[in-house]
Every structure is written in structure tokens, then in C-alpha cells.
C-alpha atoms as a PDB file:
ATOM      1  CA  MET A   1      -9.665  11.633  -6.457  1.00  0.00           C
ATOM      2  CA  VAL A   2      -6.109  11.906  -5.090  1.00  0.00           C
ATOM      3  CA  GLU A   3      -3.299  10.201  -7.004  1.00  0.00           C
ATOM      4  CA  GLN A   4       0.100   9.108  -5.696  1.00  0.00           C
ATOM      5  CA  GLY A   5       2.255   6.836  -7.866  1.00  0.00           C
ATOM      6  CA  ASP A   6       0.459   3.518  -8.285  1.00  0.00           C
ATOM      7  CA  GLU A   7      -2.203   4.471  -5.724  1.00  0.00           C
ATOM      8  CA  ARG A   8      -5.316   6.578  -6.153  1.00  0.00           C
ATOM      9  CA  ARG A   9      -7.676   7.599  -3.391  1.00  0.00           C
ATOM     10  CA  PHE A  10     -11.330   8.118  -4.185  1.00  0.00           C
ATOM     11  CA  GLY A  11     -12.803  10.227  -1.430  1.00  0.00           C
ATOM     12  CA  GLU A  12     -11.864   9.393   2.150  1.00  0.00           C
ATOM     13  CA  TYR A  13     -12.642   5.694   2.249  1.00  0.00           C
ATOM     14  CA  VAL A  14     -11.625   3.993  -1.016  1.00  0.00           C
ATOM     15  CA  VAL A  15      -8.168   3.370  -2.450  1.00  0.00           C
ATOM     16  CA  VAL A  16      -7.151   1.803  -5.764  1.00  0.00           C
ATOM     17  CA  ARG A  17      -3.685   0.237  -5.884  1.00  0.00           C
ATOM     18  CA  ARG A  18      -2.079  -1.116  -9.024  1.00  0.00           C
ATOM     19  CA  HIS A  19      -0.141  -4.368  -9.225  1.00  0.00           C
ATOM     20  CA  GLY A  20       0.754  -4.471 -12.899  1.00  0.00           C
ATOM     21  CA  HIS A  21      -2.437  -5.349 -14.764  1.00  0.00           C
ATOM     22  CA  VAL A  22      -4.268  -6.134 -11.501  1.00  0.00           C
ATOM     23  CA  ALA A  23      -6.095  -3.324  -9.719  1.00  0.00           C
ATOM     24  CA  GLU A  24      -6.816  -3.653  -6.005  1.00  0.00           C
ATOM     25  CA  LEU A  25      -9.988  -1.833  -4.928  1.00  0.00           C
ATOM     26  CA  VAL A  26      -9.502  -1.285  -1.187  1.00  0.00           C
ATOM     27  CA  LEU A  27     -12.308  -0.562   1.286  1.00  0.00           C
ATOM     28  CA  ASP A  28     -10.630   1.734   3.813  1.00  0.00           C
ATOM     29  CA  ARG A  29     -13.026   2.910   6.503  1.00  0.00           C
ATOM     30  CA  PRO A  30     -11.564   0.982   9.452  1.00  0.00           C
ATOM     31  CA  LYS A  31     -13.175   3.018  12.241  1.00  0.00           C
ATOM     32  CA  ALA A  32     -16.602   1.872  11.020  1.00  0.00           C
ATOM     33  CA  MET A  33     -15.610  -1.666   9.909  1.00  0.00           C
ATOM     34  CA  ASN A  34     -16.139  -0.447   6.340  1.00  0.00           C
ATOM     35  CA  ALA A  35     -19.833   0.298   6.852  1.00  0.00           C
ATOM     36  CA  VAL A  36     -21.019   1.808   3.580  1.00  0.00           C
ATOM     37  CA  SER A  37     -22.044   5.425   4.115  1.00  0.00           C
ATOM     38  CA  THR A  38     -23.361   7.666   1.371  1.00  0.00           C
ATOM     39  CA  GLY A  39     -19.902   9.118   0.846  1.00  0.00           C
ATOM     40  CA  MET A  40     -18.266   5.715   0.720  1.00  0.00           C
ATOM     41  CA  ALA A  41     -20.871   4.498  -1.785  1.00  0.00           C
ATOM     42  CA  ARG A  42     -20.060   7.442  -4.051  1.00  0.00           C
ATOM     43  CA  SER A  43     -16.367   6.615  -3.785  1.00  0.00           C
ATOM     44  CA  ILE A  44     -16.893   2.942  -4.663  1.00  0.00           C
ATOM     45  CA  ALA A  45     -18.955   3.931  -7.688  1.00  0.00           C
ATOM     46  CA  GLY A  46     -16.360   6.499  -8.759  1.00  0.00           C
ATOM     47  CA  ALA A  47     -13.508   4.028  -8.428  1.00  0.00           C
ATOM     48  CA  CYS A  48     -15.410   1.428 -10.449  1.00  0.00           C
ATOM     49  CA  GLU A  49     -16.136   3.956 -13.179  1.00  0.00           C
ATOM     50  CA  ALA A  50     -12.432   4.754 -13.444  1.00  0.00           C
ATOM     51  CA  LEU A  51     -11.443   1.087 -13.443  1.00  0.00           C
ATOM     52  CA  ALA A  52     -14.006   0.191 -16.103  1.00  0.00           C
ATOM     53  CA  ALA A  53     -12.552   2.863 -18.395  1.00  0.00           C
ATOM     54  CA  ASP A  54      -8.930   1.773 -17.886  1.00  0.00           C
ATOM     55  CA  ARG A  55      -8.031  -0.642 -20.681  1.00  0.00           C
ATOM     56  CA  ASP A  56      -4.783  -1.540 -18.911  1.00  0.00           C
ATOM     57  CA  VAL A  57      -6.710  -3.176 -16.054  1.00  0.00           C
ATOM     58  CA  ARG A  58      -7.303  -6.896 -16.639  1.00  0.00           C
ATOM     59  CA  VAL A  59      -8.545  -8.025 -13.198  1.00  0.00           C
ATOM     60  CA  VAL A  60      -9.873  -6.234 -10.103  1.00  0.00           C
ATOM     61  CA  VAL A  61      -9.473  -7.528  -6.529  1.00  0.00           C
ATOM     62  CA  LEU A  62     -11.760  -6.154  -3.808  1.00  0.00           C
ATOM     63  CA  THR A  63     -10.053  -6.027  -0.387  1.00  0.00           C
ATOM     64  CA  SER A  64     -10.378  -4.473   3.075  1.00  0.00           C
ATOM     65  CA  THR A  65      -7.954  -2.727   5.434  1.00  0.00           C
ATOM     66  CA  HIS A  66      -9.891  -3.733   8.566  1.00  0.00           C
ATOM     67  CA  GLU A  67      -8.423  -6.630  10.545  1.00  0.00           C
ATOM     68  CA  ARG A  68     -11.759  -8.119  11.586  1.00  0.00           C
ATOM     69  CA  ALA A  69     -14.106  -7.233   8.759  1.00  0.00           C
ATOM     70  CA  PHE A  70     -14.401  -7.125   5.016  1.00  0.00           C
ATOM     71  CA  CYS A  71     -17.490  -4.912   5.238  1.00  0.00           C
ATOM     72  CA  VAL A  72     -20.410  -4.917   7.691  1.00  0.00           C
ATOM     73  CA  GLY A  73     -22.902  -3.491   5.203  1.00  0.00           C
ATOM     74  CA  ALA A  74     -24.863  -0.256   5.189  1.00  0.00           C
ATOM     75  CA  ASP A  75     -24.017   2.457   7.703  1.00  0.00           C
ATOM     76  CA  LEU A  76     -27.045   2.035   9.991  1.00  0.00           C
ATOM     77  CA  LYS A  77     -25.965   4.926  12.223  1.00  0.00           C
ATOM     78  CA  GLU A  78     -26.193   7.212   9.218  1.00  0.00           C
ATOM     79  CA  ARG A  79     -29.450   5.607   8.133  1.00  0.00           C
ATOM     80  CA  ASN A  80     -30.935   6.195  11.607  1.00  0.00           C
ATOM     81  CA  SER A  81     -30.661   9.947  11.033  1.00  0.00           C
ATOM     82  CA  PHE A  82     -32.400   9.828   7.653  1.00  0.00           C
ATOM     83  CA  SER A  83     -35.869  11.102   6.896  1.00  0.00           C
ATOM     84  CA  ASP A  84     -37.889   9.184   4.328  1.00  0.00           C
ATOM     85  CA  ALA A  85     -36.883  11.799   1.765  1.00  0.00           C
ATOM     86  CA  ASP A  86     -33.209  11.327   2.660  1.00  0.00           C
ATOM     87  CA  LEU A  87     -33.535   7.577   2.143  1.00  0.00           C
ATOM     88  CA  VAL A  88     -35.142   8.070  -1.264  1.00  0.00           C
ATOM     89  CA  ARG A  89     -32.332  10.415  -2.317  1.00  0.00           C
ATOM     90  CA  GLN A  90     -29.660   8.045  -1.073  1.00  0.00           C
ATOM     91  CA  ARG A  91     -31.014   4.943  -2.822  1.00  0.00           C
ATOM     92  CA  PRO A  92     -29.536   5.567  -6.300  1.00  0.00           C
ATOM     93  CA  VAL A  93     -26.191   6.465  -4.713  1.00  0.00           C
ATOM     94  CA  ALA A  94     -26.115   3.160  -2.835  1.00  0.00           C
ATOM     95  CA  ARG A  95     -27.214   1.192  -5.886  1.00  0.00           C
ATOM     96  CA  ALA A  96     -24.463   2.737  -7.991  1.00  0.00           C
ATOM     97  CA  ALA A  97     -21.830   1.301  -5.642  1.00  0.00           C
ATOM     98  CA  TYR A  98     -23.067  -2.281  -5.961  1.00  0.00           C
ATOM     99  CA  THR A  99     -23.793  -2.114  -9.684  1.00  0.00           C
ATOM    100  CA  GLY A 100     -20.409  -0.465 -10.183  1.00  0.00           C
ATOM    101  CA  VAL A 101     -18.694  -3.597  -8.883  1.00  0.00           C
ATOM    102  CA  LEU A 102     -21.148  -5.934 -10.586  1.00  0.00           C
ATOM    103  CA  GLU A 103     -20.766  -4.310 -13.997  1.00  0.00           C
ATOM    104  CA  LEU A 104     -16.978  -4.110 -14.103  1.00  0.00           C
ATOM    105  CA  PRO A 105     -16.087  -5.520 -17.540  1.00  0.00           C
ATOM    106  CA  VAL A 106     -13.086  -7.492 -16.271  1.00  0.00           C
ATOM    107  CA  PRO A 107     -12.903 -10.490 -13.915  1.00  0.00           C
ATOM    108  CA  THR A 108     -13.303  -9.578 -10.248  1.00  0.00           C
ATOM    109  CA  VAL A 109     -12.145 -11.374  -7.096  1.00  0.00           C
ATOM    110  CA  ALA A 110     -13.267 -10.579  -3.535  1.00  0.00           C
ATOM    111  CA  ALA A 111     -10.832 -11.213  -0.667  1.00  0.00           C
ATOM    112  CA  VAL A 112     -12.978 -11.770   2.423  1.00  0.00           C
ATOM    113  CA  HIS A 113     -11.994 -12.097   6.059  1.00  0.00           C
ATOM    114  CA  GLY A 114     -14.009 -11.482   9.196  1.00  0.00           C
ATOM    115  CA  PHE A 115     -17.499 -10.087   8.799  1.00  0.00           C
ATOM    116  CA  ALA A 116     -19.030  -9.726   5.337  1.00  0.00           C
ATOM    117  CA  LEU A 117     -22.634  -8.976   6.182  1.00  0.00           C
ATOM    118  CA  GLY A 118     -25.540  -7.377   4.364  1.00  0.00           C
ATOM    119  CA  GLY A 119     -24.226  -4.936   1.809  1.00  0.00           C
ATOM    120  CA  GLY A 120     -20.724  -6.145   2.574  1.00  0.00           C
ATOM    121  CA  PHE A 121     -21.575  -9.647   1.435  1.00  0.00           C
ATOM    122  CA  GLU A 122     -23.428  -8.178  -1.542  1.00  0.00           C
ATOM    123  CA  LEU A 123     -20.221  -6.427  -2.635  1.00  0.00           C
ATOM    124  CA  ALA A 124     -18.495  -9.824  -2.511  1.00  0.00           C
ATOM    125  CA  LEU A 125     -21.401 -11.499  -4.334  1.00  0.00           C
ATOM    126  CA  SER A 126     -21.024  -8.889  -7.078  1.00  0.00           C
ATOM    127  CA  CYS A 127     -17.575 -10.305  -7.813  1.00  0.00           C
ATOM    128  CA  ASP A 128     -16.945 -13.317 -10.037  1.00  0.00           C
ATOM    129  CA  VAL A 129     -14.932 -15.275  -7.448  1.00  0.00           C
ATOM    130  CA  ILE A 130     -14.875 -15.034  -3.638  1.00  0.00           C
ATOM    131  CA  VAL A 131     -11.735 -16.056  -1.741  1.00  0.00           C
ATOM    132  CA  ALA A 132     -12.308 -16.246   2.026  1.00  0.00           C
ATOM    133  CA  ASP A 133     -10.085 -17.035   4.967  1.00  0.00           C
ATOM    134  CA  ARG A 134     -11.141 -19.114   7.968  1.00  0.00           C
ATOM    135  CA  THR A 135     -12.261 -16.092   9.973  1.00  0.00           C
ATOM    136  CA  ALA A 136     -14.944 -15.198   7.431  1.00  0.00           C
ATOM    137  CA  VAL A 137     -18.552 -14.843   8.549  1.00  0.00           C
ATOM    138  CA  VAL A 138     -21.049 -14.053   5.800  1.00  0.00           C
ATOM    139  CA  GLY A 139     -24.762 -13.420   5.636  1.00  0.00           C
ATOM    140  CA  LEU A 140     -27.660 -11.245   4.540  1.00  0.00           C
ATOM    141  CA  PRO A 141     -29.370 -10.191   7.803  1.00  0.00           C
ATOM    142  CA  GLU A 142     -31.489  -7.352   6.386  1.00  0.00           C
ATOM    143  CA  VAL A 143     -34.894  -8.752   7.346  1.00  0.00           C
ATOM    144  CA  SER A 144     -33.767  -8.625  10.997  1.00  0.00           C
ATOM    145  CA  VAL A 145     -33.737  -4.813  10.768  1.00  0.00           C
ATOM    146  CA  GLY A 146     -36.906  -4.484   8.718  1.00  0.00           C
ATOM    147  CA  VAL A 147     -35.598  -4.265   5.171  1.00  0.00           C
ATOM    148  CA  ILE A 148     -34.435  -6.695   2.483  1.00  0.00           C
ATOM    149  CA  PRO A 149     -31.101  -7.165   0.722  1.00  0.00           C
ATOM    150  CA  GLY A 150     -31.002  -4.195  -1.639  1.00  0.00           C
ATOM    151  CA  GLY A 151     -27.546  -4.428  -3.168  1.00  0.00           C
ATOM    152  CA  GLY A 152     -28.333  -7.386  -5.401  1.00  0.00           C
ATOM    153  CA  GLY A 153     -28.503 -10.082  -2.737  1.00  0.00           C
ATOM    154  CA  THR A 154     -31.944 -11.480  -3.589  1.00  0.00           C
ATOM    155  CA  GLN A 155     -30.789 -11.979  -7.181  1.00  0.00           C
ATOM    156  CA  LEU A 156     -27.120 -12.892  -6.810  1.00  0.00           C
ATOM    157  CA  LEU A 157     -27.388 -15.354  -3.919  1.00  0.00           C
ATOM    158  CA  PRO A 158     -29.847 -17.762  -5.597  1.00  0.00           C
ATOM    159  CA  ARG A 159     -27.669 -17.717  -8.704  1.00  0.00           C
ATOM    160  CA  ARG A 160     -24.845 -18.995  -6.519  1.00  0.00           C
ATOM    161  CA  VAL A 161     -26.552 -21.482  -4.219  1.00  0.00           C
ATOM    162  CA  GLY A 162     -30.049 -22.104  -5.608  1.00  0.00           C
ATOM    163  CA  ALA A 163     -33.422 -20.634  -4.712  1.00  0.00           C
ATOM    164  CA  ALA A 164     -34.219 -22.762  -1.646  1.00  0.00           C
ATOM    165  CA  ARG A 165     -30.882 -22.259   0.113  1.00  0.00           C
ATOM    166  CA  ALA A 166     -30.935 -18.545  -0.668  1.00  0.00           C
ATOM    167  CA  ALA A 167     -34.447 -18.274   0.753  1.00  0.00           C
ATOM    168  CA  GLU A 168     -33.448 -20.033   3.967  1.00  0.00           C
ATOM    169  CA  LEU A 169     -30.437 -17.774   4.459  1.00  0.00           C
ATOM    170  CA  ILE A 170     -32.301 -14.549   3.696  1.00  0.00           C
ATOM    171  CA  PHE A 171     -35.454 -15.420   5.666  1.00  0.00           C
ATOM    172  CA  THR A 172     -33.567 -16.532   8.784  1.00  0.00           C
ATOM    173  CA  ALA A 173     -30.995 -13.692   8.561  1.00  0.00           C
ATOM    174  CA  ARG A 174     -28.436 -16.125   9.933  1.00  0.00           C
ATOM    175  CA  ARG A 175     -24.689 -15.726   9.750  1.00  0.00           C
ATOM    176  CA  VAL A 176     -22.621 -18.456   8.126  1.00  0.00           C
ATOM    177  CA  GLU A 177     -19.070 -19.227   9.164  1.00  0.00           C
ATOM    178  CA  ALA A 178     -16.261 -19.951   6.737  1.00  0.00           C
ATOM    179  CA  VAL A 179     -16.324 -23.759   6.511  1.00  0.00           C
ATOM    180  CA  GLU A 180     -20.066 -23.956   5.911  1.00  0.00           C
ATOM    181  CA  ALA A 181     -19.840 -21.027   3.503  1.00  0.00           C
ATOM    182  CA  ARG A 182     -17.327 -22.958   1.395  1.00  0.00           C
ATOM    183  CA  GLU A 183     -19.303 -26.199   1.595  1.00  0.00           C
ATOM    184  CA  THR A 184     -22.500 -24.510   0.434  1.00  0.00           C
ATOM    185  CA  GLY A 185     -20.933 -22.372  -2.301  1.00  0.00           C
ATOM    186  CA  LEU A 186     -21.346 -19.007  -0.593  1.00  0.00           C
ATOM    187  CA  VAL A 187     -17.611 -18.564  -1.149  1.00  0.00           C
ATOM    188  CA  ASP A 188     -15.412 -20.267  -3.719  1.00  0.00           C
ATOM    189  CA  GLN A 189     -12.039 -20.773  -2.052  1.00  0.00           C
ATOM    190  CA  LEU A 190     -11.208 -21.200   1.628  1.00  0.00           C
ATOM    191  CA  VAL A 191      -7.657 -20.274   2.657  1.00  0.00           C
ATOM    192  CA  ASP A 192      -5.693 -20.029   5.886  1.00  0.00           C
ATOM    193  CA  GLU A 193      -6.362 -17.154   8.268  1.00  0.00           C
ATOM    194  CA  GLY A 194      -4.871 -13.916   7.021  1.00  0.00           C
ATOM    195  CA  GLN A 195      -4.174 -15.250   3.526  1.00  0.00           C
ATOM    196  CA  ASP A 196      -7.306 -14.059   1.715  1.00  0.00           C
ATOM    197  CA  ARG A 197      -5.712 -10.968   0.156  1.00  0.00           C
ATOM    198  CA  THR A 198      -2.491 -12.758  -0.778  1.00  0.00           C
ATOM    199  CA  GLU A 199      -4.319 -15.669  -2.381  1.00  0.00           C
ATOM    200  CA  ALA A 200      -6.827 -13.408  -4.157  1.00  0.00           C
ATOM    201  CA  LEU A 201      -4.040 -11.288  -5.640  1.00  0.00           C
ATOM    202  CA  ALA A 202      -2.186 -14.438  -6.725  1.00  0.00           C
ATOM    203  CA  LEU A 203      -5.342 -15.765  -8.390  1.00  0.00           C
ATOM    204  CA  ALA A 204      -5.876 -12.404 -10.086  1.00  0.00           C
ATOM    205  CA  ALA A 205      -2.292 -12.424 -11.379  1.00  0.00           C
ATOM    206  CA  ARG A 206      -2.877 -15.825 -12.973  1.00  0.00           C
ATOM    207  CA  MET A 207      -6.001 -14.479 -14.650  1.00  0.00           C
ATOM    208  CA  ALA A 208      -4.259 -11.289 -15.753  1.00  0.00           C
ATOM    209  CA  ALA A 209      -1.565 -13.279 -17.585  1.00  0.00           C
ATOM    210  CA  ASN A 210      -4.206 -14.142 -20.176  1.00  0.00           C
ATOM    211  CA  SER A 211      -5.573 -12.133 -23.090  1.00  0.00           C
ATOM    212  CA  PRO A 212      -7.298  -8.928 -21.933  1.00  0.00           C
ATOM    213  CA  VAL A 213      -9.600  -9.110 -24.953  1.00  0.00           C
ATOM    214  CA  GLY A 214     -10.404 -12.740 -24.143  1.00  0.00           C
ATOM    215  CA  LEU A 215     -11.016 -12.028 -20.456  1.00  0.00           C
ATOM    216  CA  ARG A 216     -13.514  -9.267 -21.161  1.00  0.00           C
ATOM    217  CA  ALA A 217     -15.320 -11.299 -23.816  1.00  0.00           C
ATOM    218  CA  ALA A 218     -15.462 -14.405 -21.615  1.00  0.00           C
ATOM    219  CA  LYS A 219     -16.926 -12.393 -18.736  1.00  0.00           C
ATOM    220  CA  ARG A 220     -19.491 -10.840 -21.061  1.00  0.00           C
ATOM    221  CA  ALA A 221     -20.548 -14.274 -22.319  1.00  0.00           C
ATOM    222  CA  LEU A 222     -20.768 -15.695 -18.800  1.00  0.00           C
ATOM    223  CA  ARG A 223     -22.816 -12.801 -17.462  1.00  0.00           C
ATOM    224  CA  LEU A 224     -25.146 -12.269 -20.420  1.00  0.00           C
ATOM    225  CA  GLY A 225     -25.705 -15.970 -21.032  1.00  0.00           C
ATOM    226  CA  HIS A 226     -26.535 -16.913 -17.454  1.00  0.00           C
ATOM    227  CA  GLY A 227     -30.189 -17.824 -17.049  1.00  0.00           C
ATOM    228  CA  LEU A 228     -30.924 -18.024 -20.760  1.00  0.00           C
ATOM    229  CA  ASP A 229     -32.024 -21.244 -22.408  1.00  0.00           C
ATOM    230  CA  LEU A 230     -29.171 -23.153 -24.043  1.00  0.00           C
ATOM    231  CA  ARG A 231     -29.875 -22.032 -27.607  1.00  0.00           C
ATOM    232  CA  ALA A 232     -29.995 -18.342 -26.621  1.00  0.00           C
ATOM    233  CA  GLY A 233     -26.922 -18.761 -24.443  1.00  0.00           C
ATOM    234  CA  LEU A 234     -24.962 -20.235 -27.320  1.00  0.00           C
ATOM    235  CA  GLU A 235     -25.868 -17.198 -29.436  1.00  0.00           C
ATOM    236  CA  VAL A 236     -24.456 -14.957 -26.706  1.00  0.00           C
ATOM    237  CA  GLU A 237     -21.305 -17.060 -26.695  1.00  0.00           C
ATOM    238  CA  ASP A 238     -21.026 -16.895 -30.487  1.00  0.00           C
ATOM    239  CA  ALA A 239     -21.295 -13.096 -30.440  1.00  0.00           C
ATOM    240  CA  ALA A 240     -18.556 -12.931 -27.810  1.00  0.00           C
ATOM    241  CA  TRP A 241     -16.397 -15.332 -29.838  1.00  0.00           C
ATOM    242  CA  ARG A 242     -16.792 -13.192 -32.963  1.00  0.00           C
ATOM    243  CA  SER A 243     -15.658 -10.140 -30.989  1.00  0.00           C
ATOM    244  CA  VAL A 244     -12.294 -11.804 -30.282  1.00  0.00           C
ATOM    245  CA  ALA A 245     -11.788 -14.133 -33.252  1.00  0.00           C
ATOM    246  CA  PHE A 246     -10.233 -11.459 -35.457  1.00  0.00           C
ATOM    247  CA  SER A 247      -8.453  -9.537 -32.706  1.00  0.00           C
ATOM    248  CA  GLY A 248      -4.766  -8.865 -32.330  1.00  0.00           C
ATOM    249  CA  ASP A 249      -4.831 -10.891 -29.116  1.00  0.00           C
ATOM    250  CA  ARG A 250      -6.098 -13.961 -30.959  1.00  0.00           C
ATOM    251  CA  ALA A 251      -3.370 -13.655 -33.590  1.00  0.00           C
ATOM    252  CA  GLU A 252      -0.688 -13.176 -30.930  1.00  0.00           C
ATOM    253  CA  GLY A 253      -1.996 -16.042 -28.796  1.00  0.00           C
ATOM    254  CA  VAL A 254      -1.893 -18.516 -31.673  1.00  0.00           C
ATOM    255  CA  ALA A 255       1.547 -17.317 -32.789  1.00  0.00           C
ATOM    256  CA  ALA A 256       2.957 -17.527 -29.253  1.00  0.00           C
ATOM    257  CA  PHE A 257       1.575 -21.038 -28.807  1.00  0.00           C
ATOM    258  CA  ASN A 258       3.194 -22.253 -32.026  1.00  0.00           C
ATOM    259  CA  GLU A 259       6.465 -20.492 -31.265  1.00  0.00           C
ATOM    260  CA  LYS A 260       6.480 -21.838 -27.673  1.00  0.00           C
ATOM    261  CA  ARG A 261       6.824 -18.417 -26.056  1.00  0.00           C
ATOM    262  CA  THR A 262       4.904 -16.196 -23.670  1.00  0.00           C
ATOM    263  CA  PRO A 263       2.331 -14.032 -25.470  1.00  0.00           C
ATOM    264  CA  LYS A 264       2.788 -10.269 -25.623  1.00  0.00           C
ATOM    265  CA  TRP A 265      -0.849  -9.239 -25.689  1.00  0.00           C
ATOM    266  CA  PRO A 266      -1.656  -6.123 -27.743  1.00  0.00           C
ATOM    267  CA  GLY A 267      -4.969  -5.867 -25.872  1.00  0.00           C
ATOM    268  CA  GLU A 268      -7.027  -5.233 -28.985  1.00  0.00           C
END
């Protein structure tokens, strides 16, 4: 990790930039359209570990430095050189990158433009909200090269769009352009070309203005409760509520509301 002011570089291909309480996790392998190599996967996982431990971070935004791609997925050139043993050794490294994003304890926003395919789309799916511009093309084409989505796609996509639509998209390996992606729920917000990062950072700033304790607890309730029956889900929610009900943030939020001022969150 290399640190310079409000910017930290994790390995060669990942940068974390700070914008107050918002952290921008930047995919920065432009010569390969951000294809995820073994080294890049390690860097993503390392950056996520650092972000998860930083209590000053309230929201994370996942962005790309490439003009025409968010991320094109796994580095197939690297994979082509692998033996079976190499592939087995690389698997937990790759998984750690995707689960690192998925398990961040704070809200996450993906800013997508251009190609977000395979593992690239899975990185976006691992975020809570996906903002895409009109150049975005998304999809999970893994079966076209003899594998399956292995970065969470078979589980995350049906949770977004339903089992039947997810099956059609995965089985056909087709690419979906921005307008259809928004209409079908593959992405959440569609913005003008070139505005995905700006709009995602603005959305993250609005989120980050809220209680850091509340944000983490709300995300925990949303994630843990999803897929449970209603009674079990309400128990998850109640546990999350109890974790914030007696916090300094709750006391400050109520006081600020009654005093008609902006809260100064203690974050505890």
C-alpha cells in the first residue's frame, strides 16, 4: 500500500481516494480495461479490508479510470496460461475480491460506464446501488467461455431481477445495454453519458450526511434479513434497531431534530 495525502494505492491497479466521509475505490488497470488479474484481485480485497476497518468511512463508491469500461471481468489472458493447479490456487484470491466488496459494512455505490461484464458486473452487483450512464453494457457471459459466474452472479442477479430473468440472462450470455438494464432493474439509476461517477459520488454524499451508526445497522438489517420469512426478518431488524437505539448517534439525531440544526454525529 502506498499513501499520498487523501489517496492510497493498493498494489498497481487499485486506488482509494477520500472525499470526506466517502471513500472512492478506483479500478485502475486501463491497459487491460480493468480485467481482474490475480494481483488486482488481491489489491481489491486489501483495499476493502482497509475500508471495512476505517470507522471514518460512511459510504464507498466503486469507480473506474477507463474511458470505455467499468471492468470487463476476469483476466482471460492470464487464465489461459494457468494449469488446473494454478486455477485452484487462484480461486480463493478471486473470491476474496468479490466478497470484500459484498461484505463492506457501509453502503456501497457502483458507478458504471461502458462495459461491465462477467466479474466486472459482479463487482457492481456486490454494491447496494448501481448508477450507470447511457454507455453502459452489462452482462454475465461466462457460459460462453465454458464456466459460470463465480463472483456471486448466480446469487446476486436473481435477488435483483428474479429467478426467471436471471436465468435467461445467464443462460444466453447476452449483453444488455443501458436503457434495458434500467428498465429491468439490472441497474438502479440511469444518468447522462459521462456522469456516472459524478452522480454516484453525489448520491454517496447524501448518504454519508446521515448517522454512520444508523447506516451500518440499516445495511446489516437489509442484508441479513433478505430472503428470510417476515417474522425472522423482523427479528433481524429488531436486533439492528437495538444496536442503535442507545447510541450517541441516536441521542444526537433526536436533539438536532428538536433544535432544528444539522447533527454532529459522534459515530458511536
